[in-house]
Amino acid sequence: MGSFSLGVFVQLQGQKKSRSFLAETERQVQAHLEKHLNVFPSEDHQAQAILKKMYEDEGEHANWAERDSGGNEVREELSKFEKRAMGVMSKVMIETSKRI
């Protein structure tokens, strides 16, 4: 609920801010996946391939969010509050998923 509320809050600030929020979300997911890539054994080729593909997909989503159809940057910097709130919400989601 907190993440949804934060997303709505940012959406109400306009499309540029919303796209920046999406891009930042995707970058944070990439960072999370990168940690998993370092945890899974390199011999587990199937898991490594899946995680690498997910990492690449998240990067493509972030790149899309940061550019318009003409390739021009459409970012608006997120505030310190927004970035901090995103970090807190991601930790809540990770901890919740561990317990489910």
PDB file of N, CA and C in Angstrom:
ATOM      1  N   MET A   1       0.825  -1.194   0.000  1.00  0.00           N
ATOM      2  CA  MET A   1       0.000   0.000   0.000  1.00  0.00           C
ATOM      3  C   MET A   1       0.871   1.261   0.000  1.00  0.00           C
ATOM      4  N   GLY A   2       1.969   1.195   0.745  1.00  0.00           N
ATOM      5  CA  GLY A   2       2.867   2.348   0.805  1.00  0.00           C
ATOM      6  C   GLY A   2       3.494   2.658  -0.540  1.00  0.00           C
ATOM      7  N   SER A   3       3.925   1.615  -1.251  1.00  0.00           N
ATOM      8  CA  SER A   3       4.532   1.820  -2.569  1.00  0.00           C
ATOM      9  C   SER A   3       3.523   2.374  -3.558  1.00  0.00           C
ATOM     10  N   PHE A   4       2.309   1.861  -3.486  1.00  0.00           N
ATOM     11  CA  PHE A   4       1.246   2.350  -4.371  1.00  0.00           C
ATOM     12  C   PHE A   4       0.988   3.834  -4.098  1.00  0.00           C
ATOM     13  N   SER A   5       0.891   4.184  -2.832  1.00  0.00           N
ATOM     14  CA  SER A   5       0.644   5.581  -2.453  1.00  0.00           C
ATOM     15  C   SER A   5       1.777   6.494  -2.927  1.00  0.00           C
ATOM     16  N   LEU A   6       2.999   6.025  -2.790  1.00  0.00           N
ATOM     17  CA  LEU A   6       4.146   6.807  -3.256  1.00  0.00           C
ATOM     18  C   LEU A   6       4.078   6.989  -4.770  1.00  0.00           C
ATOM     19  N   GLY A   7       3.712   5.936  -5.485  1.00  0.00           N
ATOM     20  CA  GLY A   7       3.565   6.015  -6.940  1.00  0.00           C
ATOM     21  C   GLY A   7       2.499   7.019  -7.349  1.00  0.00           C
ATOM     22  N   VAL A   8       1.365   7.019  -6.653  1.00  0.00           N
ATOM     23  CA  VAL A   8       0.300   7.983  -6.939  1.00  0.00           C
ATOM     24  C   VAL A   8       0.789   9.399  -6.655  1.00  0.00           C
ATOM     25  N   PHE A   9       1.469   9.583  -5.528  1.00  0.00           N
ATOM     26  CA  PHE A   9       2.009  10.891  -5.162  1.00  0.00           C
ATOM     27  C   PHE A   9       2.914  11.435  -6.273  1.00  0.00           C
ATOM     28  N   VAL A  10       3.787  10.598  -6.778  1.00  0.00           N
ATOM     29  CA  VAL A  10       4.719  11.027  -7.825  1.00  0.00           C
ATOM     30  C   VAL A  10       3.967  11.259  -9.137  1.00  0.00           C
ATOM     31  N   GLN A  11       3.008  10.410  -9.462  1.00  0.00           N
ATOM     32  CA  GLN A  11       2.229  10.556 -10.689  1.00  0.00           C
ATOM     33  C   GLN A  11       1.520  11.909 -10.728  1.00  0.00           C
ATOM     34  N   LEU A  12       1.034  12.355  -9.604  1.00  0.00           N
ATOM     35  CA  LEU A  12       0.324  13.632  -9.537  1.00  0.00           C
ATOM     36  C   LEU A  12       1.231  14.832  -9.818  1.00  0.00           C
ATOM     37  N   GLN A  13       2.545  14.605  -9.807  1.00  0.00           N
ATOM     38  CA  GLN A  13       3.510  15.678 -10.065  1.00  0.00           C
ATOM     39  C   GLN A  13       3.836  15.829 -11.546  1.00  0.00           C
ATOM     40  N   GLY A  14       3.270  14.982 -12.385  1.00  0.00           N
ATOM     41  CA  GLY A  14       3.464  15.122 -13.822  1.00  0.00           C
ATOM     42  C   GLY A  14       4.175  13.935 -14.449  1.00  0.00           C
ATOM     43  N   GLN A  15       4.118  13.911 -15.782  1.00  0.00           N
ATOM     44  CA  GLN A  15       4.657  12.781 -16.533  1.00  0.00           C
ATOM     45  C   GLN A  15       6.170  12.637 -16.406  1.00  0.00           C
ATOM     46  N   LYS A  16       6.904  13.736 -16.434  1.00  0.00           N
ATOM     47  CA  LYS A  16       8.363  13.642 -16.329  1.00  0.00           C
ATOM     48  C   LYS A  16       8.774  13.035 -14.992  1.00  0.00           C
ATOM     49  N   LYS A  17       8.150  13.498 -13.932  1.00  0.00           N
ATOM     50  CA  LYS A  17       8.471  12.972 -12.597  1.00  0.00           C
ATOM     51  C   LYS A  17       8.066  11.504 -12.520  1.00  0.00           C
ATOM     52  N   SER A  18       6.920  11.183 -13.090  1.00  0.00           N
ATOM     53  CA  SER A  18       6.442   9.805 -13.072  1.00  0.00           C
ATOM     54  C   SER A  18       7.394   8.873 -13.817  1.00  0.00           C
ATOM     55  N   ARG A  19       7.875   9.316 -14.955  1.00  0.00           N
ATOM     56  CA  ARG A  19       8.814   8.492 -15.726  1.00  0.00           C
ATOM     57  C   ARG A  19      10.144   8.351 -14.999  1.00  0.00           C
ATOM     58  N   SER A  20      10.563   9.391 -14.310  1.00  0.00           N
ATOM     59  CA  SER A  20      11.785   9.315 -13.508  1.00  0.00           C
ATOM     60  C   SER A  20      11.619   8.319 -12.375  1.00  0.00           C
ATOM     61  N   PHE A  21      10.432   8.299 -11.786  1.00  0.00           N
ATOM     62  CA  PHE A  21      10.116   7.350 -10.716  1.00  0.00           C
ATOM     63  C   PHE A  21      10.180   5.925 -11.255  1.00  0.00           C
ATOM     64  N   LEU A  22       9.608   5.712 -12.436  1.00  0.00           N
ATOM     65  CA  LEU A  22       9.655   4.386 -13.062  1.00  0.00           C
ATOM     66  C   LEU A  22      11.096   3.975 -13.339  1.00  0.00           C
ATOM     67  N   ALA A  23      11.877   4.886 -13.904  1.00  0.00           N
ATOM     68  CA  ALA A  23      13.277   4.575 -14.209  1.00  0.00           C
ATOM     69  C   ALA A  23      14.049   4.231 -12.938  1.00  0.00           C
ATOM     70  N   GLU A  24      13.847   5.005 -11.888  1.00  0.00           N
ATOM     71  CA  GLU A  24      14.536   4.746 -10.623  1.00  0.00           C
ATOM     72  C   GLU A  24      14.115   3.401 -10.037  1.00  0.00           C
ATOM     73  N   THR A  25      12.837   3.074 -10.163  1.00  0.00           N
ATOM     74  CA  THR A  25      12.351   1.772  -9.693  1.00  0.00           C
ATOM     75  C   THR A  25      13.076   0.648 -10.418  1.00  0.00           C
ATOM     76  N   GLU A  26      13.182   0.767 -11.729  1.00  0.00           N
ATOM     77  CA  GLU A  26      13.849  -0.261 -12.522  1.00  0.00           C
ATOM     78  C   GLU A  26      15.329  -0.362 -12.162  1.00  0.00           C
ATOM     79  N   ARG A  27      15.984   0.763 -11.910  1.00  0.00           N
ATOM     80  CA  ARG A  27      17.402   0.749 -11.523  1.00  0.00           C
ATOM     81  C   ARG A  27      17.586   0.079 -10.158  1.00  0.00           C
ATOM     82  N   GLN A  28      16.645   0.331  -9.244  1.00  0.00           N
ATOM     83  CA  GLN A  28      16.739  -0.314  -7.939  1.00  0.00           C
ATOM     84  C   GLN A  28      16.516  -1.823  -8.059  1.00  0.00           C
ATOM     85  N   VAL A  29      15.619  -2.223  -8.945  1.00  0.00           N
ATOM     86  CA  VAL A  29      15.407  -3.661  -9.179  1.00  0.00           C
ATOM     87  C   VAL A  29      16.678  -4.267  -9.763  1.00  0.00           C
ATOM     88  N   GLN A  30      17.324  -3.558 -10.675  1.00  0.00           N
ATOM     89  CA  GLN A  30      18.591  -4.040 -11.233  1.00  0.00           C
ATOM     90  C   GLN A  30      19.624  -4.249 -10.132  1.00  0.00           C
ATOM     91  N   ALA A  31      19.722  -3.315  -9.221  1.00  0.00           N
ATOM     92  CA  ALA A  31      20.694  -3.442  -8.127  1.00  0.00           C
ATOM     93  C   ALA A  31      20.371  -4.662  -7.271  1.00  0.00           C
ATOM     94  N   HIS A  32      19.099  -4.901  -7.044  1.00  0.00           N
ATOM     95  CA  HIS A  32      18.679  -6.070  -6.266  1.00  0.00           C
ATOM     96  C   HIS A  32      19.040  -7.363  -7.007  1.00  0.00           C
ATOM     97  N   LEU A  33      18.785  -7.384  -8.317  1.00  0.00           N
ATOM     98  CA  LEU A  33      19.113  -8.578  -9.111  1.00  0.00           C
ATOM     99  C   LEU A  33      20.616  -8.819  -9.152  1.00  0.00           C
ATOM    100  N   GLU A  34      21.376  -7.753  -9.177  1.00  0.00           N
ATOM    101  CA  GLU A  34      22.835  -7.881  -9.202  1.00  0.00           C
ATOM    102  C   GLU A  34      23.332  -8.595  -7.943  1.00  0.00           C
ATOM    103  N   LYS A  35      22.708  -8.297  -6.803  1.00  0.00           N
ATOM    104  CA  LYS A  35      23.065  -8.995  -5.565  1.00  0.00           C
ATOM    105  C   LYS A  35      22.786 -10.489  -5.695  1.00  0.00           C
ATOM    106  N   HIS A  36      21.654 -10.823  -6.317  1.00  0.00           N
ATOM    107  CA  HIS A  36      21.311 -12.237  -6.499  1.00  0.00           C
ATOM    108  C   HIS A  36      22.287 -12.928  -7.456  1.00  0.00           C
ATOM    109  N   LEU A  37      22.748 -12.211  -8.469  1.00  0.00           N
ATOM    110  CA  LEU A  37      23.721 -12.789  -9.397  1.00  0.00           C
ATOM    111  C   LEU A  37      24.998 -13.182  -8.671  1.00  0.00           C
ATOM    112  N   ASN A  38      25.341 -12.431  -7.636  1.00  0.00           N
ATOM    113  CA  ASN A  38      26.550 -12.728  -6.868  1.00  0.00           C
ATOM    114  C   ASN A  38      26.340 -13.829  -5.841  1.00  0.00           C
ATOM    115  N   VAL A  39      25.073 -14.127  -5.525  1.00  0.00           N
ATOM    116  CA  VAL A  39      24.763 -15.151  -4.525  1.00  0.00           C
ATOM    117  C   VAL A  39      24.662 -16.541  -5.165  1.00  0.00           C
ATOM    118  N   PHE A  40      24.018 -16.609  -6.327  1.00  0.00           N
ATOM    119  CA  PHE A  40      23.854 -17.906  -6.984  1.00  0.00           C
ATOM    120  C   PHE A  40      25.199 -18.393  -7.515  1.00  0.00           C
ATOM    121  N   PRO A  41      25.471 -19.668  -7.371  1.00  0.00           N
ATOM    122  CA  PRO A  41      26.744 -20.209  -7.875  1.00  0.00           C
ATOM    123  C   PRO A  41      26.855 -20.025  -9.397  1.00  0.00           C
ATOM    124  N   SER A  42      28.041 -19.709  -9.846  1.00  0.00           N
ATOM    125  CA  SER A  42      28.243 -19.516 -11.289  1.00  0.00           C
ATOM    126  C   SER A  42      27.991 -20.803 -12.072  1.00  0.00           C
ATOM    127  N   GLU A  43      28.057 -21.940 -11.385  1.00  0.00           N
ATOM    128  CA  GLU A  43      27.786 -23.220 -12.044  1.00  0.00           C
ATOM    129  C   GLU A  43      26.287 -23.419 -12.321  1.00  0.00           C
ATOM    130  N   ASP A  44      25.434 -22.656 -11.639  1.00  0.00           N
ATOM    131  CA  ASP A  44      23.992 -22.747 -11.861  1.00  0.00           C
ATOM    132  C   ASP A  44      23.646 -21.876 -13.065  1.00  0.00           C
ATOM    133  N   HIS A  45      23.932 -22.411 -14.244  1.00  0.00           N
ATOM    134  CA  HIS A  45      23.796 -21.654 -15.486  1.00  0.00           C
ATOM    135  C   HIS A  45      22.365 -21.218 -15.752  1.00  0.00           C
ATOM    136  N   GLN A  46      21.401 -22.059 -15.399  1.00  0.00           N
ATOM    137  CA  GLN A  46      20.008 -21.705 -15.644  1.00  0.00           C
ATOM    138  C   GLN A  46      19.596 -20.493 -14.800  1.00  0.00           C
ATOM    139  N   ALA A  47      19.914 -20.511 -13.512  1.00  0.00           N
ATOM    140  CA  ALA A  47      19.577 -19.387 -12.638  1.00  0.00           C
ATOM    141  C   ALA A  47      20.307 -18.124 -13.084  1.00  0.00           C
ATOM    142  N   GLN A  48      21.581 -18.262 -13.436  1.00  0.00           N
ATOM    143  CA  GLN A  48      22.363 -17.108 -13.889  1.00  0.00           C
ATOM    144  C   GLN A  48      21.747 -16.510 -15.159  1.00  0.00           C
ATOM    145  N   ALA A  49      21.337 -17.372 -16.102  1.00  0.00           N
ATOM    146  CA  ALA A  49      20.754 -16.897 -17.352  1.00  0.00           C
ATOM    147  C   ALA A  49      19.441 -16.156 -17.100  1.00  0.00           C
ATOM    148  N   ILE A  50      18.620 -16.694 -16.221  1.00  0.00           N
ATOM    149  CA  ILE A  50      17.338 -16.056 -15.902  1.00  0.00           C
ATOM    150  C   ILE A  50      17.576 -14.697 -15.250  1.00  0.00           C
ATOM    151  N   LEU A  51      18.456 -14.651 -14.267  1.00  0.00           N
ATOM    152  CA  LEU A  51      18.737 -13.393 -13.575  1.00  0.00           C
ATOM    153  C   LEU A  51      19.350 -12.354 -14.510  1.00  0.00           C
ATOM    154  N   LYS A  52      20.245 -12.786 -15.394  1.00  0.00           N
ATOM    155  CA  LYS A  52      20.852 -11.854 -16.347  1.00  0.00           C
ATOM    156  C   LYS A  52      19.808 -11.287 -17.298  1.00  0.00           C
ATOM    157  N   LYS A  53      18.888 -12.136 -17.747  1.00  0.00           N
ATOM    158  CA  LYS A  53      17.822 -11.681 -18.644  1.00  0.00           C
ATOM    159  C   LYS A  53      16.912 -10.685 -17.923  1.00  0.00           C
ATOM    160  N   MET A  54      16.575 -10.988 -16.687  1.00  0.00           N
ATOM    161  CA  MET A  54      15.748 -10.066 -15.905  1.00  0.00           C
ATOM    162  C   MET A  54      16.471  -8.730 -15.725  1.00  0.00           C
ATOM    163  N   TYR A  55      17.766  -8.781 -15.440  1.00  0.00           N
ATOM    164  CA  TYR A  55      18.580  -7.573 -15.265  1.00  0.00           C
ATOM    165  C   TYR A  55      18.552  -6.726 -16.541  1.00  0.00           C
ATOM    166  N   GLU A  56      18.753  -7.378 -17.684  1.00  0.00           N
ATOM    167  CA  GLU A  56      18.732  -6.662 -18.967  1.00  0.00           C
ATOM    168  C   GLU A  56      17.366  -6.046 -19.234  1.00  0.00           C
ATOM    169  N   ASP A  57      16.303  -6.802 -18.972  1.00  0.00           N
ATOM    170  CA  ASP A  57      14.943  -6.290 -19.187  1.00  0.00           C
ATOM    171  C   ASP A  57      14.672  -5.060 -18.335  1.00  0.00           C
ATOM    172  N   GLU A  58      15.080  -5.088 -17.075  1.00  0.00           N
ATOM    173  CA  GLU A  58      14.873  -3.948 -16.192  1.00  0.00           C
ATOM    174  C   GLU A  58      15.625  -2.721 -16.710  1.00  0.00           C
ATOM    175  N   GLY A  59      16.841  -2.939 -17.222  1.00  0.00           N
ATOM    176  CA  GLY A  59      17.609  -1.843 -17.799  1.00  0.00           C
ATOM    177  C   GLY A  59      16.919  -1.239 -19.016  1.00  0.00           C
ATOM    178  N   GLU A  60      16.342  -2.092 -19.853  1.00  0.00           N
ATOM    179  CA  GLU A  60      15.604  -1.604 -21.021  1.00  0.00           C
ATOM    180  C   GLU A  60      14.384  -0.789 -20.589  1.00  0.00           C
ATOM    181  N   HIS A  61      13.682  -1.255 -19.560  1.00  0.00           N
ATOM    182  CA  HIS A  61      12.524  -0.509 -19.058  1.00  0.00           C
ATOM    183  C   HIS A  61      12.958   0.864 -18.545  1.00  0.00           C
ATOM    184  N   ALA A  62      14.069   0.911 -17.811  1.00  0.00           N
ATOM    185  CA  ALA A  62      14.562   2.183 -17.284  1.00  0.00           C
ATOM    186  C   ALA A  62      14.961   3.119 -18.417  1.00  0.00           C
ATOM    187  N   ASN A  63      15.653   2.580 -19.409  1.00  0.00           N
ATOM    188  CA  ASN A  63      16.056   3.399 -20.559  1.00  0.00           C
ATOM    189  C   ASN A  63      14.837   3.961 -21.281  1.00  0.00           C
ATOM    190  N   TRP A  64      13.803   3.132 -21.445  1.00  0.00           N
ATOM    191  CA  TRP A  64      12.580   3.590 -22.096  1.00  0.00           C
ATOM    192  C   TRP A  64      11.957   4.736 -21.301  1.00  0.00           C
ATOM    193  N   ALA A  65      11.905   4.587 -19.982  1.00  0.00           N
ATOM    194  CA  ALA A  65      11.267   5.592 -19.138  1.00  0.00           C
ATOM    195  C   ALA A  65      12.017   6.919 -19.173  1.00  0.00           C
ATOM    196  N   GLU A  66      13.314   6.869 -19.424  1.00  0.00           N
ATOM    197  CA  GLU A  66      14.134   8.080 -19.400  1.00  0.00           C
ATOM    198  C   GLU A  66      14.132   8.841 -20.726  1.00  0.00           C
ATOM    199  N   ARG A  67      13.562   8.274 -21.775  1.00  0.00           N
ATOM    200  CA  ARG A  67      13.607   8.883 -23.112  1.00  0.00           C
ATOM    201  C   ARG A  67      12.214   8.931 -23.728  1.00  0.00           C
ATOM    202  N   ASP A  68      11.973   9.967 -24.551  1.00  0.00           N
ATOM    203  CA  ASP A  68      10.728  10.005 -25.316  1.00  0.00           C
ATOM    204  C   ASP A  68      10.931   9.259 -26.631  1.00  0.00           C
ATOM    205  N   SER A  69       9.912   9.248 -27.472  1.00  0.00           N
ATOM    206  CA  SER A  69      10.000   8.468 -28.719  1.00  0.00           C
ATOM    207  C   SER A  69      11.089   8.981 -29.654  1.00  0.00           C
ATOM    208  N   GLY A  70      11.518  10.233 -29.489  1.00  0.00           N
ATOM    209  CA  GLY A  70      12.589  10.788 -30.301  1.00  0.00           C
ATOM    210  C   GLY A  70      13.967  10.591 -29.704  1.00  0.00           C
ATOM    211  N   GLY A  71      14.039   9.919 -28.559  1.00  0.00           N
ATOM    212  CA  GLY A  71      15.324   9.663 -27.915  1.00  0.00           C
ATOM    213  C   GLY A  71      15.801  10.780 -27.008  1.00  0.00           C
ATOM    214  N   ASN A  72      14.936  11.780 -26.785  1.00  0.00           N
ATOM    215  CA  ASN A  72      15.304  12.901 -25.917  1.00  0.00           C
ATOM    216  C   ASN A  72      15.054  12.548 -24.459  1.00  0.00           C
ATOM    217  N   GLU A  73      15.927  13.033 -23.590  1.00  0.00           N
ATOM    218  CA  GLU A  73      15.781  12.761 -22.154  1.00  0.00           C
ATOM    219  C   GLU A  73      14.545  13.470 -21.611  1.00  0.00           C
ATOM    220  N   VAL A  74      13.770  12.737 -20.806  1.00  0.00           N
ATOM    221  CA  VAL A  74      12.545  13.306 -20.224  1.00  0.00           C
ATOM    222  C   VAL A  74      12.534  13.174 -18.707  1.00  0.00           C
ATOM    223  N   ARG A  75      13.690  13.143 -18.116  1.00  0.00           N
ATOM    224  CA  ARG A  75      13.794  12.958 -16.657  1.00  0.00           C
ATOM    225  C   ARG A  75      13.569  14.264 -15.913  1.00  0.00           C
ATOM    226  N   GLU A  76      13.037  14.109 -14.724  1.00  0.00           N
ATOM    227  CA  GLU A  76      12.975  15.199 -13.753  1.00  0.00           C
ATOM    228  C   GLU A  76      13.506  14.602 -12.459  1.00  0.00           C
ATOM    229  N   GLU A  77      14.523  15.211 -11.904  1.00  0.00           N
ATOM    230  CA  GLU A  77      15.195  14.642 -10.724  1.00  0.00           C
ATOM    231  C   GLU A  77      14.200  14.409  -9.589  1.00  0.00           C
ATOM    232  N   LEU A  78      14.315  13.237  -8.982  1.00  0.00           N
ATOM    233  CA  LEU A  78      13.500  12.928  -7.813  1.00  0.00           C
ATOM    234  C   LEU A  78      14.095  13.618  -6.586  1.00  0.00           C
ATOM    235  N   SER A  79      13.236  14.000  -5.677  1.00  0.00           N
ATOM    236  CA  SER A  79      13.709  14.655  -4.459  1.00  0.00           C
ATOM    237  C   SER A  79      14.379  13.633  -3.537  1.00  0.00           C
ATOM    238  N   LYS A  80      15.103  14.124  -2.561  1.00  0.00           N
ATOM    239  CA  LYS A  80      15.720  13.233  -1.571  1.00  0.00           C
ATOM    240  C   LYS A  80      14.652  12.441  -0.834  1.00  0.00           C
ATOM    241  N   PHE A  81      13.535  13.092  -0.526  1.00  0.00           N
ATOM    242  CA  PHE A  81      12.423  12.417   0.144  1.00  0.00           C
ATOM    243  C   PHE A  81      11.904  11.258  -0.704  1.00  0.00           C
ATOM    244  N   GLU A  82      11.702  11.503  -1.997  1.00  0.00           N
ATOM    245  CA  GLU A  82      11.168  10.465  -2.885  1.00  0.00           C
ATOM    246  C   GLU A  82      12.126   9.281  -2.992  1.00  0.00           C
ATOM    247  N   LYS A  83      13.410   9.576  -3.146  1.00  0.00           N
ATOM    248  CA  LYS A  83      14.397   8.500  -3.234  1.00  0.00           C
ATOM    249  C   LYS A  83      14.477   7.706  -1.931  1.00  0.00           C
ATOM    250  N   ARG A  84      14.447   8.416  -0.818  1.00  0.00           N
ATOM    251  CA  ARG A  84      14.500   7.751   0.494  1.00  0.00           C
ATOM    252  C   ARG A  84      13.260   6.891   0.701  1.00  0.00           C
ATOM    253  N   ALA A  85      12.096   7.435   0.355  1.00  0.00           N
ATOM    254  CA  ALA A  85      10.843   6.683   0.507  1.00  0.00           C
ATOM    255  C   ALA A  85      10.862   5.425  -0.369  1.00  0.00           C
ATOM    256  N   MET A  86      11.404   5.536  -1.559  1.00  0.00           N
ATOM    257  CA  MET A  86      11.507   4.366  -2.434  1.00  0.00           C
ATOM    258  C   MET A  86      12.401   3.301  -1.800  1.00  0.00           C
ATOM    259  N   GLY A  87      13.514   3.726  -1.239  1.00  0.00           N
ATOM    260  CA  GLY A  87      14.425   2.790  -0.596  1.00  0.00           C
ATOM    261  C   GLY A  87      13.782   2.078   0.584  1.00  0.00           C
ATOM    262  N   VAL A  88      13.056   2.839   1.384  1.00  0.00           N
ATOM    263  CA  VAL A  88      12.375   2.250   2.542  1.00  0.00           C
ATOM    264  C   VAL A  88      11.310   1.261   2.078  1.00  0.00           C
ATOM    265  N   MET A  89      10.516   1.654   1.079  1.00  0.00           N
ATOM    266  CA  MET A  89       9.459   0.774   0.583  1.00  0.00           C
ATOM    267  C   MET A  89      10.038  -0.513  -0.015  1.00  0.00           C
ATOM    268  N   SER A  90      11.165  -0.413  -0.699  1.00  0.00           N
ATOM    269  CA  SER A  90      11.764  -1.617  -1.279  1.00  0.00           C
ATOM    270  C   SER A  90      12.225  -2.572  -0.189  1.00  0.00           C
ATOM    271  N   LYS A  91      12.779  -2.016   0.887  1.00  0.00           N
ATOM    272  CA  LYS A  91      13.202  -2.873   2.007  1.00  0.00           C
ATOM    273  C   LYS A  91      12.001  -3.553   2.660  1.00  0.00           C
ATOM    274  N   VAL A  92      10.895  -2.821   2.785  1.00  0.00           N
ATOM    275  CA  VAL A  92       9.673  -3.406   3.350  1.00  0.00           C
ATOM    276  C   VAL A  92       9.187  -4.550   2.464  1.00  0.00           C
ATOM    277  N   MET A  93       9.186  -4.340   1.154  1.00  0.00           N
ATOM    278  CA  MET A  93       8.723  -5.387   0.231  1.00  0.00           C
ATOM    279  C   MET A  93       9.637  -6.605   0.262  1.00  0.00           C
ATOM    280  N   ILE A  94      10.930  -6.385   0.325  1.00  0.00           N
ATOM    281  CA  ILE A  94      11.878  -7.506   0.367  1.00  0.00           C
ATOM    282  C   ILE A  94      11.688  -8.304   1.647  1.00  0.00           C
ATOM    283  N   GLU A  95      11.605  -7.628   2.769  1.00  0.00           N
ATOM    284  CA  GLU A  95      11.426  -8.324   4.051  1.00  0.00           C
ATOM    285  C   GLU A  95      10.081  -9.057   4.111  1.00  0.00           C
ATOM    286  N   THR A  96       9.047  -8.434   3.568  1.00  0.00           N
ATOM    287  CA  THR A  96       7.726  -9.081   3.542  1.00  0.00           C
ATOM    288  C   THR A  96       7.770 -10.343   2.704  1.00  0.00           C
ATOM    289  N   SER A  97       8.406 -10.268   1.534  1.00  0.00           N
ATOM    290  CA  SER A  97       8.471 -11.443   0.654  1.00  0.00           C
ATOM    291  C   SER A  97       9.288 -12.561   1.275  1.00  0.00           C
ATOM    292  N   LYS A  98      10.271 -12.240   2.102  1.00  0.00           N
ATOM    293  CA  LYS A  98      11.052 -13.275   2.791  1.00  0.00           C
ATOM    294  C   LYS A  98      10.202 -14.048   3.786  1.00  0.00           C
ATOM    295  N   ARG A  99       9.211 -13.383   4.344  1.00  0.00           N
ATOM    296  CA  ARG A  99       8.392 -14.001   5.401  1.00  0.00           C
ATOM    297  C   ARG A  99       7.166 -14.723   4.849  1.00  0.00           C
ATOM    298  N   ILE A 100       6.871 -14.509   3.608  1.00  0.00           N
ATOM    299  CA  ILE A 100       5.680 -15.155   3.023  1.00  0.00           C
ATOM    300  C   ILE A 100       6.024 -16.541   2.505  1.00  0.00           C
TER     301      ILE A 100
END
